[in-house]
């Protein structure tokens, strides 16, 4: 599992006009090729009367699956520019569909490349970019006498996330910490409880953080 990567938060939709043509820009997270293809199919059915429904997607931890479709536009003027925007923004598990309703003015090859590139960027903004960061999961079982101080200090720290607190005969605090940064946490809680804590490691999981101003990185 990679430690962090960018993707879209979820479904995004917006629309722009370029030389009288309507470009409806869609983005969606897709964690498999089947999901990406299903999303493209849904948009094509919705806009069955559109001039073009062009698309591209990247799927897989190492961008193992990359596809682009010009859907009738001149070769290399639609799907490829969309795909290049995904690559330039370093997003993963993302599909973008750009629906075009022709407005009567031809854009030429260069104009189409710019139009679809711009539309793809707008689609990513509409889908809201997030950074998924791999976190390790730890359960700390301790006596109730330690809970107040431990909970307060954990909540005061931005690098630790309290995922759950379970109240049993003793209390179990489940904490998420960014992968690779767990040792200081383990040492701290051992010191705070004078070693009176039972530590169990759970399954790693991704935590999502919204990118600043929802803008794609340059």
Foldseek 3Di string as FASTA:
>chain_A
DDFKFKAFPAWFWDWDADPQKIKIKIKGFAQDVVRQVVVLVVVCVVPVVFPAKWKWAFYDPVSPDTDTGPRPDPPPQARVLLSVLCVVLRHYRMMMIITIHDRPDDLPSVRSSVVNNVSSQVNLLRRFMKMWGKWWKKKKWAAPVLPPVVVVVQVVDPQKDFPDWDDDNTIITIIIGGPPPCPVVVVVVCVSRVNRIDMDIDDMDIDIDGDVVSHRDD
